[in-house]
Protein backbone atom coordinates (compact mmCIF):
# COMPACT_ATOMS: atom_id res chain seq x y z
CA MET A 1 -27.63 11.27 51.93
CA SER A 2 -30.02 13.58 50.11
CA GLN A 3 -32.93 12.21 48.07
CA PRO A 4 -31.41 12.72 44.51
CA TYR A 5 -28.11 11.07 45.50
CA ARG A 6 -29.91 8.14 47.10
CA LEU A 7 -31.93 7.63 43.91
CA ILE A 8 -28.78 7.71 41.73
CA TYR A 9 -27.03 5.28 44.10
CA TRP A 10 -29.87 2.76 43.88
CA LEU A 11 -30.09 3.14 40.09
CA VAL A 12 -26.36 2.35 39.76
CA VAL A 13 -26.67 -0.65 42.09
CA LEU A 14 -29.76 -1.94 40.27
CA THR A 15 -28.13 -1.49 36.83
CA SER A 16 -24.99 -3.37 37.87
CA LEU A 17 -27.07 -6.23 39.29
CA VAL A 18 -29.14 -6.51 36.11
CA LEU A 19 -26.04 -6.55 33.88
CA SER A 20 -24.24 -9.13 35.99
CA GLY A 21 -27.32 -11.34 36.19
CA CYS A 22 -28.12 -11.42 32.48
CA GLY A 23 -25.07 -13.48 31.55
CA PHE A 24 -23.30 -10.71 29.63
CA GLU A 25 -19.66 -11.57 29.01
CA LEU A 26 -16.96 -10.14 26.82
CA LYS A 27 -15.87 -12.34 23.93
CA LYS A 28 -13.07 -14.67 24.97
CA PRO A 29 -10.41 -16.26 22.77
CA ILE A 30 -11.20 -19.73 21.46
CA GLU A 31 -9.64 -22.38 23.70
CA ILE A 32 -7.90 -24.86 21.41
CA PRO A 33 -6.99 -28.08 23.25
CA PHE A 34 -3.93 -28.81 21.11
CA LYS A 35 -0.47 -27.58 22.11
CA THR A 36 0.97 -27.47 18.58
CA ILE A 37 -0.68 -27.10 15.18
CA TYR A 38 0.98 -27.27 11.79
CA ALA A 39 -0.78 -25.22 9.13
CA ASN A 40 0.11 -24.88 5.46
CA PHE A 41 -0.90 -21.25 4.87
CA SER A 42 1.10 -18.17 4.01
CA ASP A 43 1.65 -15.66 6.79
CA GLN A 44 1.68 -12.89 4.20
CA THR A 45 -1.97 -13.16 3.11
CA PRO A 46 -4.83 -11.41 4.95
CA PHE A 47 -6.44 -14.80 5.66
CA GLY A 48 -3.13 -16.16 6.98
CA ILE A 49 -2.76 -13.18 9.29
CA ALA A 50 -6.34 -13.60 10.56
CA LEU A 51 -5.88 -17.34 11.11
CA ARG A 52 -2.57 -16.85 12.94
CA ARG A 53 -4.19 -14.24 15.19
CA VAL A 54 -7.06 -16.59 16.12
CA ILE A 55 -4.80 -19.62 16.71
CA THR A 56 -2.28 -17.80 18.87
CA ALA A 57 -4.80 -15.60 20.75
CA THR A 58 -4.73 -17.72 23.91
CA GLY A 59 -0.95 -17.88 23.98
CA GLN A 60 -1.09 -21.61 24.70
CA VAL A 61 -0.88 -22.95 21.14
CA GLU A 62 2.29 -23.02 19.10
CA LEU A 63 1.62 -22.51 15.41
CA ILE A 64 4.11 -24.24 13.11
CA THR A 65 4.24 -23.15 9.46
CA ASP A 66 7.66 -24.53 8.58
CA PRO A 67 7.22 -27.87 6.70
CA LYS A 68 10.52 -29.13 8.16
CA ARG A 69 8.98 -29.00 11.66
CA MET A 70 5.66 -30.62 10.69
CA ASP A 71 6.51 -33.78 12.66
CA GLN A 72 6.51 -31.74 15.91
CA ALA A 73 2.83 -30.83 15.62
CA GLN A 74 -0.01 -32.70 17.30
CA VAL A 75 -2.38 -31.97 14.42
CA ILE A 76 -2.10 -30.79 10.83
CA LEU A 77 -4.46 -28.15 9.50
CA GLU A 78 -4.53 -28.20 5.71
CA ILE A 79 -5.97 -25.26 3.82
CA ILE A 80 -7.05 -26.93 0.60
CA HIS A 81 -8.81 -24.14 -1.26
CA ASP A 82 -9.04 -20.37 -0.82
CA GLN A 83 -11.12 -18.52 -3.39
CA LYS A 84 -12.46 -14.97 -3.61
CA ASP A 85 -15.21 -14.12 -6.12
CA LYS A 86 -17.05 -10.97 -7.08
CA VAL A 87 -20.35 -11.48 -8.91
CA ILE A 88 -22.63 -8.85 -10.42
CA LEU A 89 -25.80 -8.73 -8.36
CA GLY A 90 -27.74 -5.94 -10.02
CA ARG A 91 -27.81 -3.46 -12.90
CA THR A 92 -29.57 -0.18 -13.50
CA ALA A 93 -32.01 0.39 -16.36
CA ALA A 94 -29.08 1.82 -18.34
CA GLY A 95 -27.12 -1.40 -17.86
CA THR A 96 -24.49 -0.14 -15.42
CA VAL A 97 -23.63 -2.25 -12.40
CA ASN A 98 -25.12 -1.03 -9.13
CA ALA A 99 -24.49 -4.01 -6.80
CA PHE A 100 -22.01 -6.86 -6.36
CA GLN A 101 -21.90 -9.94 -4.22
CA LEU A 102 -18.53 -10.74 -2.63
CA ARG A 103 -17.92 -14.42 -2.03
CA LEU A 104 -15.20 -16.12 -0.02
CA ASN A 105 -14.84 -19.93 0.00
CA ILE A 106 -12.22 -21.72 2.07
CA SER A 107 -11.81 -25.50 2.29
CA PHE A 108 -9.79 -27.18 5.00
CA LYS A 109 -9.29 -30.43 6.85
CA LEU A 110 -7.69 -31.43 10.14
CA ARG A 111 -5.80 -34.64 10.78
CA THR A 112 -3.42 -36.08 13.33
CA GLN A 113 0.19 -37.04 12.67
CA ASP A 114 -0.99 -40.65 12.33
CA GLY A 115 -3.33 -39.69 9.49
CA VAL A 116 -6.55 -39.93 11.51
CA GLU A 117 -8.94 -37.42 9.97
CA LEU A 118 -10.51 -35.33 12.73
CA ILE A 119 -12.32 -32.95 10.37
CA PRO A 120 -12.89 -34.22 6.83
CA GLU A 121 -12.62 -31.77 3.95
CA THR A 122 -14.98 -28.94 4.89
CA GLU A 123 -15.85 -25.78 3.00
CA ILE A 124 -16.89 -22.57 4.70
CA SER A 125 -18.49 -19.95 2.47
CA LEU A 126 -19.45 -16.39 3.25
CA PHE A 127 -21.28 -13.87 1.07
CA ARG A 128 -21.63 -10.11 1.39
CA ASP A 129 -23.61 -7.73 -0.82
CA ILE A 130 -22.13 -4.36 -1.67
CA SER A 131 -23.67 -1.48 -3.59
CA PHE A 132 -21.61 0.15 -6.31
CA ASN A 133 -21.43 3.69 -7.63
CA GLU A 134 -19.04 4.73 -10.40
CA THR A 135 -18.57 8.19 -8.91
CA ILE A 136 -16.99 6.85 -5.70
CA VAL A 137 -14.93 3.96 -7.02
CA LEU A 138 -11.99 4.38 -4.62
CA SER A 139 -14.13 4.33 -1.49
CA LYS A 140 -16.05 1.30 -2.79
CA GLU A 141 -12.76 -0.54 -3.40
CA ALA A 142 -11.70 0.24 0.17
CA GLU A 143 -15.09 -0.98 1.44
CA GLU A 144 -14.70 -4.17 -0.60
CA GLN A 145 -11.26 -4.87 0.91
CA LEU A 146 -12.64 -4.23 4.40
CA LEU A 147 -15.52 -6.64 3.80
CA TYR A 148 -13.11 -9.33 2.54
CA ARG A 149 -10.90 -8.88 5.64
CA ASN A 150 -13.95 -9.19 7.91
CA MET A 151 -15.08 -12.31 6.04
CA GLN A 152 -11.60 -13.83 6.40
CA SER A 153 -11.60 -13.15 10.14
CA ASP A 154 -15.07 -14.69 10.46
CA ILE A 155 -13.99 -17.83 8.60
CA ALA A 156 -10.81 -18.13 10.67
CA GLU A 157 -12.87 -17.98 13.88
CA GLN A 158 -15.39 -20.53 12.54
CA MET A 159 -12.55 -22.88 11.61
CA MET A 160 -10.94 -22.65 15.03
CA ARG A 161 -14.27 -23.18 16.82
CA ARG A 162 -14.64 -26.42 14.85
CA VAL A 163 -11.04 -27.41 15.60
CA ALA A 164 -11.58 -26.70 19.31
CA SER A 165 -14.80 -28.71 19.40
CA VAL A 166 -13.30 -31.70 17.59
CA GLY A 167 -10.17 -31.50 19.72
CA LYS A 168 -12.14 -31.68 22.96
CA GLN A 169 -14.10 -34.69 21.65
CA TRP A 170 -10.90 -36.38 20.49
CA PHE A 171 -9.12 -35.90 23.82
CA ASN A 172 -12.19 -37.16 25.74
CA SER A 173 -12.42 -40.33 23.62
CA ARG A 174 -8.77 -41.30 24.11
């Protein structure tokens, strides 16, 4: 092996060892310990779509949204409150708006079929700041919708991490 190829070989080997030793891992789906979950959200909303995606990502959890089948679920996830707000954050010297704050608040609770509250009413809130320019209104509206979708996905993942954590504790204490 010639000198340049030997150097490249050892650089590749060294790089792969460093990356494998640092603990780097791709993001894995959240492992929810329950087999069935009833949830009272609409599948047609962006938040409902994000929540469904997170719950069913592992393929091991059946999501029930039909109230007639609620008695088949191990736990009941109740979405109590879902609110989007847009607040003026800043104005120019002329008085026109130049920044908004997008807010998303979602309240939920988790209980068993027996009524045992695993997660009491909990609110998760996220905020994002967005600049505004009247000359590019359409692109700013698209950016706003994208930020709301990202916030909804973040909240759905936070909710399911809490559900997974509480579920593991609940199964261990039984």
